Amino acid sequence: MTTNPVAGTCGLYWEHRAWYEALGATCETQGDAGLSKICPVYRCAKDHGVEQCGLCSEFPCLLLVHFAAQNGDERIISASVRAQVGDEVWAGWAQQQRLWVNAYCPLRTATKASA
């Protein structure tokens, strides 16, 4: 669903993060790894037919707000910026913001053994 493999459906950016490099799971590959039920944000976006949350007519929804509130991260701002400027410009901006630090992601806690 997400065309940019380092772009989370929810607005997170994880390129060059040790966890991402080691596991290689992304929003898009959850289904391939049998993990599609782990992230409700991904499922919600898929059900709404959008690539990422910032493109949804219900943005920002309570589910996304809940995820962002877990650690006070900036994924809502990030998803909005991504929708406004596109993936390429957003990726440069997101990398500078260090959006992955302290962010909650169900994939981060998943392991290949649990797939």
C-alpha atoms as a PDB file:
ATOM      1  CA  MET A   1       0.000   0.000   0.000  1.00  0.00           C
ATOM      2  CA  THR A   2       2.751   2.472   0.879  1.00  0.00           C
ATOM      3  CA  THR A   3       4.869   3.130  -2.204  1.00  0.00           C
ATOM      4  CA  ASN A   4       7.813   4.522  -0.240  1.00  0.00           C
ATOM      5  CA  PRO A   5       9.303   1.617   1.755  1.00  0.00           C
ATOM      6  CA  VAL A   6      10.750   3.888   4.463  1.00  0.00           C
ATOM      7  CA  ALA A   7       7.484   5.769   4.928  1.00  0.00           C
ATOM      8  CA  GLY A   8       5.038   4.565   7.525  1.00  0.00           C
ATOM      9  CA  THR A   9       1.334   4.778   6.736  1.00  0.00           C
ATOM     10  CA  CYS A  10       0.946   6.795   9.942  1.00  0.00           C
ATOM     11  CA  GLY A  11       3.619   9.402   9.147  1.00  0.00           C
ATOM     12  CA  LEU A  12       6.714   7.774  10.629  1.00  0.00           C
ATOM     13  CA  TYR A  13       9.978   7.637   8.695  1.00  0.00           C
ATOM     14  CA  TRP A  14      12.468   4.913   9.499  1.00  0.00           C
ATOM     15  CA  GLU A  15      15.271   4.801   6.936  1.00  0.00           C
ATOM     16  CA  HIS A  16      18.651   3.907   8.464  1.00  0.00           C
ATOM     17  CA  ARG A  17      17.102   2.878  11.776  1.00  0.00           C
ATOM     18  CA  ALA A  18      18.713  -0.274  13.195  1.00  0.00           C
ATOM     19  CA  TRP A  19      15.361  -1.939  13.831  1.00  0.00           C
ATOM     20  CA  TYR A  20      14.169  -1.371  10.268  1.00  0.00           C
ATOM     21  CA  GLU A  21      17.460  -2.521   8.757  1.00  0.00           C
ATOM     22  CA  ALA A  22      17.481  -5.727  10.851  1.00  0.00           C
ATOM     23  CA  LEU A  23      13.839  -6.773  10.494  1.00  0.00           C
ATOM     24  CA  GLY A  24      13.006  -5.240   7.135  1.00  0.00           C
ATOM     25  CA  ALA A  25       9.277  -5.220   7.894  1.00  0.00           C
ATOM     26  CA  THR A  26       7.348  -2.209   6.671  1.00  0.00           C
ATOM     27  CA  CYS A  27       3.713  -1.235   6.632  1.00  0.00           C
ATOM     28  CA  GLU A  28       3.471  -2.699   3.145  1.00  0.00           C
ATOM     29  CA  THR A  29       5.160  -6.004   3.987  1.00  0.00           C
ATOM     30  CA  GLN A  30       3.056  -6.788   7.060  1.00  0.00           C
ATOM     31  CA  GLY A  31       0.695  -8.929   4.996  1.00  0.00           C
ATOM     32  CA  ASP A  32       3.574 -10.824   3.390  1.00  0.00           C
ATOM     33  CA  ALA A  33       5.013 -11.545   6.817  1.00  0.00           C
ATOM     34  CA  GLY A  34       1.628 -12.491   8.246  1.00  0.00           C
ATOM     35  CA  LEU A  35       1.623  -9.406  10.478  1.00  0.00           C
ATOM     36  CA  SER A  36      -1.260  -7.427   8.944  1.00  0.00           C
ATOM     37  CA  LYS A  37      -3.325  -7.496  12.143  1.00  0.00           C
ATOM     38  CA  ILE A  38      -0.538  -6.007  14.257  1.00  0.00           C
ATOM     39  CA  CYS A  39      -0.958  -2.405  13.116  1.00  0.00           C
ATOM     40  CA  PRO A  40      -4.513  -1.104  13.178  1.00  0.00           C
ATOM     41  CA  VAL A  41      -3.424   2.176  11.545  1.00  0.00           C
ATOM     42  CA  TYR A  42      -2.212   0.291   8.480  1.00  0.00           C
ATOM     43  CA  ARG A  43      -5.434  -1.727   8.383  1.00  0.00           C
ATOM     44  CA  CYS A  44      -7.523   1.438   8.713  1.00  0.00           C
ATOM     45  CA  ALA A  45      -5.708   3.170   5.838  1.00  0.00           C
ATOM     46  CA  LYS A  46      -6.087   0.073   3.687  1.00  0.00           C
ATOM     47  CA  ASP A  47      -9.803  -0.107   4.521  1.00  0.00           C
ATOM     48  CA  HIS A  48     -10.173   3.583   3.606  1.00  0.00           C
ATOM     49  CA  GLY A  49      -8.281   3.068   0.340  1.00  0.00           C
ATOM     50  CA  VAL A  50      -5.535   5.597   1.078  1.00  0.00           C
ATOM     51  CA  GLU A  51      -1.769   5.204   0.847  1.00  0.00           C
ATOM     52  CA  GLN A  52      -1.166   7.114   4.053  1.00  0.00           C
ATOM     53  CA  CYS A  53      -3.150   8.758   6.822  1.00  0.00           C
ATOM     54  CA  GLY A  54      -2.616  12.330   5.636  1.00  0.00           C
ATOM     55  CA  LEU A  55      -4.697  11.539   2.532  1.00  0.00           C
ATOM     56  CA  CYS A  56      -7.699  10.237   4.453  1.00  0.00           C
ATOM     57  CA  SER A  57     -10.910  12.249   4.662  1.00  0.00           C
ATOM     58  CA  GLU A  58     -11.058  11.414   8.388  1.00  0.00           C
ATOM     59  CA  PHE A  59      -7.523  12.683   9.123  1.00  0.00           C
ATOM     60  CA  PRO A  60      -6.564  13.001  11.901  1.00  0.00           C
ATOM     61  CA  CYS A  61      -8.682  10.236  13.376  1.00  0.00           C
ATOM     62  CA  LEU A  62      -8.789   9.093  16.991  1.00  0.00           C
ATOM     63  CA  LEU A  63      -6.770   5.985  16.173  1.00  0.00           C
ATOM     64  CA  LEU A  64      -3.870   8.035  14.806  1.00  0.00           C
ATOM     65  CA  VAL A  65      -4.094  10.500  17.684  1.00  0.00           C
ATOM     66  CA  HIS A  66      -3.931   7.578  20.110  1.00  0.00           C
ATOM     67  CA  PHE A  67      -0.802   6.176  18.448  1.00  0.00           C
ATOM     68  CA  ALA A  68       0.891   9.589  18.448  1.00  0.00           C
ATOM     69  CA  ALA A  69      -0.018  10.160  22.094  1.00  0.00           C
ATOM     70  CA  GLN A  70       1.730   6.952  23.209  1.00  0.00           C
ATOM     71  CA  ASN A  71       5.060   8.779  23.175  1.00  0.00           C
ATOM     72  CA  GLY A  72       4.138  12.288  22.114  1.00  0.00           C
ATOM     73  CA  ASP A  73       5.597  11.889  18.632  1.00  0.00           C
ATOM     74  CA  GLU A  74       4.959  14.094  15.608  1.00  0.00           C
ATOM     75  CA  ARG A  75       3.430  11.569  13.197  1.00  0.00           C
ATOM     76  CA  ILE A  76       0.256  13.637  12.704  1.00  0.00           C
ATOM     77  CA  ILE A  77       2.249  16.666  11.577  1.00  0.00           C
ATOM     78  CA  SER A  78       4.392  14.374   9.466  1.00  0.00           C
ATOM     79  CA  ALA A  79       1.421  12.742   7.713  1.00  0.00           C
ATOM     80  CA  SER A  80       0.011  16.185   6.979  1.00  0.00           C
ATOM     81  CA  VAL A  81       3.313  17.427   5.546  1.00  0.00           C
ATOM     82  CA  ARG A  82       3.637  14.272   3.428  1.00  0.00           C
ATOM     83  CA  ALA A  83       0.163  14.779   1.979  1.00  0.00           C
ATOM     84  CA  GLN A  84       0.958  18.420   1.166  1.00  0.00           C
ATOM     85  CA  VAL A  85       4.428  18.124  -0.370  1.00  0.00           C
ATOM     86  CA  GLY A  86       4.669  14.518  -1.618  1.00  0.00           C
ATOM     87  CA  ASP A  87       6.955  11.637  -0.721  1.00  0.00           C
ATOM     88  CA  GLU A  88      10.262  12.965  -2.032  1.00  0.00           C
ATOM     89  CA  VAL A  89      10.213  16.346  -0.295  1.00  0.00           C
ATOM     90  CA  TRP A  90       8.620  14.825   2.788  1.00  0.00           C
ATOM     91  CA  ALA A  91      11.363  12.179   3.105  1.00  0.00           C
ATOM     92  CA  GLY A  92      14.051  14.863   3.307  1.00  0.00           C
ATOM     93  CA  TRP A  93      12.050  16.779   5.887  1.00  0.00           C
ATOM     94  CA  ALA A  94      11.184  13.659   7.906  1.00  0.00           C
ATOM     95  CA  GLN A  95      14.769  12.445   8.045  1.00  0.00           C
ATOM     96  CA  GLN A  96      15.787  15.768   9.579  1.00  0.00           C
ATOM     97  CA  GLN A  97      12.986  15.511  12.161  1.00  0.00           C
ATOM     98  CA  ARG A  98      14.148  12.114  13.480  1.00  0.00           C
ATOM     99  CA  LEU A  99      10.539  10.937  13.525  1.00  0.00           C
ATOM    100  CA  TRP A 100      11.384   7.404  14.543  1.00  0.00           C
ATOM    101  CA  VAL A 101      12.986   8.269  17.884  1.00  0.00           C
ATOM    102  CA  ASN A 102      10.662   7.218  20.722  1.00  0.00           C
ATOM    103  CA  ALA A 103       7.742   6.589  18.359  1.00  0.00           C
ATOM    104  CA  TYR A 104       5.408   3.684  19.041  1.00  0.00           C
ATOM    105  CA  CYS A 105       5.036   1.176  16.200  1.00  0.00           C
ATOM    106  CA  PRO A 106       3.601  -2.339  16.563  1.00  0.00           C
ATOM    107  CA  LEU A 107       6.054  -3.586  13.943  1.00  0.00           C
ATOM    108  CA  ARG A 108       8.914  -2.488  16.115  1.00  0.00           C
ATOM    109  CA  THR A 109       7.920  -5.043  18.720  1.00  0.00           C
ATOM    110  CA  ALA A 110       7.220  -7.807  16.191  1.00  0.00           C
ATOM    111  CA  THR A 111       9.862 -10.368  15.410  1.00  0.00           C
ATOM    112  CA  LYS A 112      10.236 -12.772  12.538  1.00  0.00           C
ATOM    113  CA  ALA A 113       9.525 -15.578  15.002  1.00  0.00           C
ATOM    114  CA  SER A 114       6.080 -14.147  15.723  1.00  0.00           C
ATOM    115  CA  ALA A 115       5.218 -13.884  12.026  1.00  0.00           C
END
